[in-house]
C-alpha atoms as a PDB file:
ATOM      1  CA  MET A   1      43.406 182.838 166.297  1.00  0.00           C
ATOM      2  CA  LYS A   2      42.922 181.460 162.834  1.00  0.00           C
ATOM      3  CA  ARG A   3      44.698 178.230 161.920  1.00  0.00           C
ATOM      4  CA  PRO A   4      47.280 178.668 159.075  1.00  0.00           C
ATOM      5  CA  ALA A   5      46.464 177.111 155.715  1.00  0.00           C
ATOM      6  CA  PRO A   6      48.350 173.944 154.655  1.00  0.00           C
ATOM      7  CA  ARG A   7      50.229 175.929 152.021  1.00  0.00           C
ATOM      8  CA  GLN A   8      51.453 178.369 154.674  1.00  0.00           C
ATOM      9  CA  LEU A   9      52.551 175.475 156.904  1.00  0.00           C
ATOM     10  CA  ALA A  10      54.545 173.998 154.003  1.00  0.00           C
ATOM     11  CA  LEU A  11      56.204 177.355 153.303  1.00  0.00           C
ATOM     12  CA  PHE A  12      57.093 177.904 156.965  1.00  0.00           C
ATOM     13  CA  SER A  13      58.483 174.360 157.168  1.00  0.00           C
ATOM     14  CA  ALA A  14      60.629 174.959 154.084  1.00  0.00           C
ATOM     15  CA  LEU A  15      61.868 178.228 155.570  1.00  0.00           C
ATOM     16  CA  GLY A  16      62.757 176.508 158.842  1.00  0.00           C
ATOM     17  CA  LEU A  17      64.627 173.735 157.026  1.00  0.00           C
ATOM     18  CA  SER A  18      66.526 176.313 154.952  1.00  0.00           C
ATOM     19  CA  LEU A  19      67.560 178.219 158.065  1.00  0.00           C
ATOM     20  CA  ALA A  20      68.624 175.020 159.824  1.00  0.00           C
ATOM     21  CA  ALA A  21      70.700 173.922 156.807  1.00  0.00           C
ATOM     22  CA  THR A  22      72.328 177.353 156.630  1.00  0.00           C
ATOM     23  CA  ALA A  23      73.233 177.242 160.320  1.00  0.00           C
ATOM     24  CA  TRP A  24      74.603 173.693 159.950  1.00  0.00           C
ATOM     25  CA  VAL A  25      76.809 174.657 156.986  1.00  0.00           C
ATOM     26  CA  ALA A  26      77.989 177.882 158.640  1.00  0.00           C
ATOM     27  CA  ARG A  27      79.168 176.232 161.829  1.00  0.00           C
ATOM     28  CA  ASP A  28      82.891 176.382 162.555  1.00  0.00           C
ATOM     29  CA  ASP A  29      83.933 174.571 159.358  1.00  0.00           C
ATOM     30  CA  ALA A  30      85.167 177.752 157.697  1.00  0.00           C
ATOM     31  CA  PRO A  31      88.667 177.296 156.239  1.00  0.00           C
ATOM     32  CA  GLU A  32      91.535 178.957 158.005  1.00  0.00           C
ATOM     33  CA  PRO A  33      92.787 182.139 156.413  1.00  0.00           C
ATOM     34  CA  VAL A  34      96.150 181.722 154.720  1.00  0.00           C
ATOM     35  CA  THR A  35      98.732 183.329 156.953  1.00  0.00           C
ATOM     36  CA  ALA A  36     101.922 184.986 155.739  1.00  0.00           C
ATOM     37  CA  PRO A  37     104.232 181.996 156.467  1.00  0.00           C
ATOM     38  CA  ARG A  38     101.846 179.595 154.733  1.00  0.00           C
ATOM     39  CA  ARG A  39     101.483 181.990 151.807  1.00  0.00           C
ATOM     40  CA  ALA A  40     105.266 182.159 151.425  1.00  0.00           C
ATOM     41  CA  MET A  41     105.410 178.377 151.362  1.00  0.00           C
ATOM     42  CA  LEU A  42     102.930 178.278 148.470  1.00  0.00           C
ATOM     43  CA  THR A  43     104.937 180.489 146.143  1.00  0.00           C
ATOM     44  CA  VAL A  44     105.984 178.986 142.845  1.00  0.00           C
ATOM     45  CA  ALA A  45     109.656 178.899 143.864  1.00  0.00           C
ATOM     46  CA  ALA A  46     108.923 176.955 147.036  1.00  0.00           C
ATOM     47  CA  ALA A  47     106.264 174.634 145.635  1.00  0.00           C
ATOM     48  CA  THR A  48     106.910 170.961 146.173  1.00  0.00           C
ATOM     49  CA  ARG A  49     104.961 167.866 145.261  1.00  0.00           C
ATOM     50  CA  ALA A  50     103.412 167.860 148.727  1.00  0.00           C
ATOM     51  CA  ASP A  51     101.980 171.335 148.121  1.00  0.00           C
ATOM     52  CA  TRP A  52     100.434 170.363 144.806  1.00  0.00           C
ATOM     53  CA  PRO A  53      96.642 170.735 145.124  1.00  0.00           C
ATOM     54  CA  GLY A  54      96.000 167.513 143.218  1.00  0.00           C
ATOM     55  CA  PRO A  55      94.655 164.185 144.473  1.00  0.00           C
ATOM     56  CA  ALA A  56      95.315 163.159 148.042  1.00  0.00           C
ATOM     57  CA  ALA A  57      98.661 161.571 148.877  1.00  0.00           C
ATOM     58  CA  SER A  58      97.075 158.099 149.039  1.00  0.00           C
ATOM     59  CA  ALA A  59      95.724 158.507 145.510  1.00  0.00           C
ATOM     60  CA  ARG A  60      99.121 159.768 144.281  1.00  0.00           C
ATOM     61  CA  ALA A  61     100.769 156.664 145.661  1.00  0.00           C
ATOM     62  CA  GLU A  62      98.610 154.544 143.344  1.00  0.00           C
ATOM     63  CA  TRP A  63      99.810 156.292 140.178  1.00  0.00           C
ATOM     64  CA  PRO A  64     101.832 154.050 137.924  1.00  0.00           C
ATOM     65  CA  ALA A  65     105.535 154.820 137.713  1.00  0.00           C
ATOM     66  CA  LEU A  66     106.847 155.881 134.329  1.00  0.00           C
ATOM     67  CA  ASP A  67     109.083 153.369 132.660  1.00  0.00           C
ATOM     68  CA  ALA A  68     112.548 154.420 131.540  1.00  0.00           C
ATOM     69  CA  GLN A  69     111.541 154.725 127.871  1.00  0.00           C
ATOM     70  CA  ALA A  70     108.644 157.109 128.602  1.00  0.00           C
ATOM     71  CA  ARG A  71     110.775 159.143 130.994  1.00  0.00           C
ATOM     72  CA  ALA A  72     113.530 159.436 128.359  1.00  0.00           C
ATOM     73  CA  ALA A  73     111.024 160.512 125.698  1.00  0.00           C
ATOM     74  CA  TRP A  74     109.770 163.366 127.845  1.00  0.00           C
ATOM     75  CA  GLY A  75     113.034 164.249 129.502  1.00  0.00           C
ATOM     76  CA  GLU A  76     113.355 165.765 132.902  1.00  0.00           C
ATOM     77  CA  ALA A  77     111.293 168.829 133.716  1.00  0.00           C
ATOM     78  CA  ALA A  78     113.166 171.989 134.486  1.00  0.00           C
ATOM     79  CA  PRO A  79     112.560 173.320 137.993  1.00  0.00           C
ATOM     80  CA  VAL A  80     109.979 176.043 138.183  1.00  0.00           C
ATOM     81  CA  THR A  81     111.174 179.288 139.682  1.00  0.00           C
ATOM     82  CA  ALA A  82     109.418 182.570 140.050  1.00  0.00           C
ATOM     83  CA  ALA A  83     111.312 185.380 138.430  1.00  0.00           C
ATOM     84  CA  ALA A  84     110.711 189.030 138.994  1.00  0.00           C
ATOM     85  CA  PRO A  85     109.193 190.671 135.958  1.00  0.00           C
ATOM     86  CA  ALA A  86     111.716 192.370 133.742  1.00  0.00           C
ATOM     87  CA  PRO A  87     111.651 196.135 134.043  1.00  0.00           C
ATOM     88  CA  ALA A  88     110.046 197.892 131.131  1.00  0.00           C
ATOM     89  CA  PRO A  89     112.504 199.450 128.739  1.00  0.00           C
ATOM     90  CA  PRO A  90     112.718 203.206 129.047  1.00  0.00           C
ATOM     91  CA  THR A  91     110.544 204.939 126.538  1.00  0.00           C
ATOM     92  CA  GLU A  92     111.584 208.069 124.833  1.00  0.00           C
ATOM     93  CA  VAL A  93     109.129 210.867 124.999  1.00  0.00           C
ATOM     94  CA  VAL A  94     108.721 212.153 121.494  1.00  0.00           C
ATOM     95  CA  ALA A  95     107.027 215.502 121.320  1.00  0.00           C
ATOM     96  CA  GLU A  96     104.486 215.036 118.563  1.00  0.00           C
ATOM     97  CA  GLU A  97     102.507 217.952 117.423  1.00  0.00           C
ATOM     98  CA  PRO A  98      98.814 217.443 117.997  1.00  0.00           C
ATOM     99  CA  PRO A  99      96.758 217.325 114.821  1.00  0.00           C
ATOM    100  CA  PRO A 100      95.275 220.648 113.814  1.00  0.00           C
ATOM    101  CA  PRO A 101      91.734 221.211 115.061  1.00  0.00           C
ATOM    102  CA  THR A 102      88.947 220.457 112.624  1.00  0.00           C
ATOM    103  CA  ALA A 103      85.366 221.547 112.485  1.00  0.00           C
ATOM    104  CA  PRO A 104      82.708 218.935 113.208  1.00  0.00           C
ATOM    105  CA  PRO A 105      80.537 217.795 110.311  1.00  0.00           C
ATOM    106  CA  PHE A 106      77.882 220.289 109.305  1.00  0.00           C
ATOM    107  CA  PRO A 107      74.670 219.106 111.044  1.00  0.00           C
ATOM    108  CA  TYR A 108      72.363 219.991 108.152  1.00  0.00           C
ATOM    109  CA  GLN A 109      71.759 218.731 104.629  1.00  0.00           C
ATOM    110  CA  LEU A 110      71.406 221.164 101.759  1.00  0.00           C
ATOM    111  CA  VAL A 111      67.947 220.548 100.411  1.00  0.00           C
ATOM    112  CA  GLY A 112      67.830 223.342  97.861  1.00  0.00           C
ATOM    113  CA  ARG A 113      68.672 226.894  96.846  1.00  0.00           C
ATOM    114  CA  LEU A 114      66.475 229.931  96.312  1.00  0.00           C
ATOM    115  CA  THR A 115      67.665 232.400  93.690  1.00  0.00           C
ATOM    116  CA  ASP A 116      65.611 235.539  93.967  1.00  0.00           C
ATOM    117  CA  SER A 117      66.988 238.974  94.863  1.00  0.00           C
ATOM    118  CA  ARG A 118      69.300 237.438  97.454  1.00  0.00           C
ATOM    119  CA  PRO A 119      70.465 233.772  97.140  1.00  0.00           C
ATOM    120  CA  ARG A 120      69.488 231.572 100.060  1.00  0.00           C
ATOM    121  CA  ALA A 121      69.987 227.919 100.960  1.00  0.00           C
ATOM    122  CA  ILE A 122      67.358 225.547 102.315  1.00  0.00           C
ATOM    123  CA  LEU A 123      68.750 223.366 105.104  1.00  0.00           C
ATOM    124  CA  ASN A 124      67.218 220.355 106.823  1.00  0.00           C
ATOM    125  CA  ASN A 125      68.073 217.943 109.638  1.00  0.00           C
ATOM    126  CA  ALA A 126      66.086 215.684 111.983  1.00  0.00           C
ATOM    127  CA  GLN A 127      65.104 218.541 114.316  1.00  0.00           C
ATOM    128  CA  ARG A 128      64.341 221.426 111.991  1.00  0.00           C
ATOM    129  CA  SER A 129      64.491 223.072 108.596  1.00  0.00           C
ATOM    130  CA  ALA A 130      65.875 226.536 107.872  1.00  0.00           C
ATOM    131  CA  VAL A 131      66.251 229.006 105.017  1.00  0.00           C
ATOM    132  CA  VAL A 132      69.490 230.973 105.417  1.00  0.00           C
ATOM    133  CA  GLY A 133      71.359 233.640 103.510  1.00  0.00           C
ATOM    134  CA  ALA A 134      74.837 235.138 103.632  1.00  0.00           C
ATOM    135  CA  GLY A 135      75.758 236.638 107.014  1.00  0.00           C
ATOM    136  CA  GLU A 136      73.277 234.561 109.066  1.00  0.00           C
ATOM    137  CA  VAL A 137      74.405 232.384 111.996  1.00  0.00           C
ATOM    138  CA  ILE A 138      73.053 228.839 112.340  1.00  0.00           C
ATOM    139  CA  ASP A 139      72.725 227.344 115.844  1.00  0.00           C
ATOM    140  CA  GLY A 140      75.193 229.917 117.190  1.00  0.00           C
ATOM    141  CA  GLN A 141      78.120 227.951 115.695  1.00  0.00           C
ATOM    142  CA  TRP A 142      78.010 228.262 111.901  1.00  0.00           C
ATOM    143  CA  ARG A 143      78.059 231.511 109.926  1.00  0.00           C
ATOM    144  CA  VAL A 144      76.922 231.444 106.298  1.00  0.00           C
ATOM    145  CA  ASP A 145      79.557 233.323 104.297  1.00  0.00           C
ATOM    146  CA  ALA A 146      78.063 232.826 100.825  1.00  0.00           C
ATOM    147  CA  VAL A 147      75.423 230.870  98.953  1.00  0.00           C
ATOM    148  CA  GLU A 148      77.020 229.964  95.617  1.00  0.00           C
ATOM    149  CA  PRO A 149      75.679 227.968  92.655  1.00  0.00           C
ATOM    150  CA  GLY A 150      77.942 225.046  93.624  1.00  0.00           C
ATOM    151  CA  GLY A 151      77.311 225.011  97.367  1.00  0.00           C
ATOM    152  CA  LEU A 152      77.433 226.804 100.668  1.00  0.00           C
ATOM    153  CA  ARG A 153      80.481 228.536 102.206  1.00  0.00           C
ATOM    154  CA  LEU A 154      80.451 228.394 106.010  1.00  0.00           C
ATOM    155  CA  THR A 155      82.665 229.348 108.935  1.00  0.00           C
ATOM    156  CA  TYR A 156      82.714 227.252 112.107  1.00  0.00           C
ATOM    157  CA  LEU A 157      82.768 230.104 114.629  1.00  0.00           C
ATOM    158  CA  PRO A 158      84.335 228.397 117.714  1.00  0.00           C
ATOM    159  CA  LEU A 159      87.516 227.632 115.716  1.00  0.00           C
ATOM    160  CA  GLY A 160      87.213 230.147 112.901  1.00  0.00           C
ATOM    161  CA  LEU A 161      87.531 227.397 110.282  1.00  0.00           C
ATOM    162  CA  ALA A 162      86.059 227.786 106.799  1.00  0.00           C
ATOM    163  CA  GLN A 163      84.170 224.927 105.189  1.00  0.00           C
ATOM    164  CA  PHE A 164      82.481 224.371 101.822  1.00  0.00           C
ATOM    165  CA  ILE A 165      79.371 222.202 101.564  1.00  0.00           C
ATOM    166  CA  PRO A 166      78.602 221.305  97.941  1.00  0.00           C
ATOM    167  CA  PHE A 167      75.100 220.898  96.586  1.00  0.00           C
ATOM    168  CA  VAL A 168      74.391 217.300  95.701  1.00  0.00           C
ATOM    169  CA  ALA A 169      73.096 216.754  92.175  1.00  0.00           C
ATOM    170  CA  ALA A 170      69.610 215.283  92.160  1.00  0.00           C
END
């Protein structure tokens, strides 16, 4: 069998040390789960100075006592109690009428107009260009009602809503 390279030995050693450190940390030092009686003791209403998760009791004993002037300036703290949240006020249900449906914006730009025997509009968008006349349906949703000198009259077929798209002056 071939002897492992020094780099492989270093990697295996590091892996072994990592596993040993993980096992050492994971030994039975896991904190106890907070049980229901302990949890009840830690509520805000029942909190006492002994439950405060600050410095250890020996360190707290070394804190300087407040003199009377400082204590008077701050006053005494009101006791902290946990109150149940106030119930939400009843809301009145007001029946609002939904806004009337509207047609989406026309997905084409009017590029131009052809005025030969039958007026037609030249439409363009990112996907395609089209030349349409009165009575034609665009994308199965828009019917061209008329091509006028000022713009294009359309009907949005799913809702039956009429719309006018004006020609933009160049």
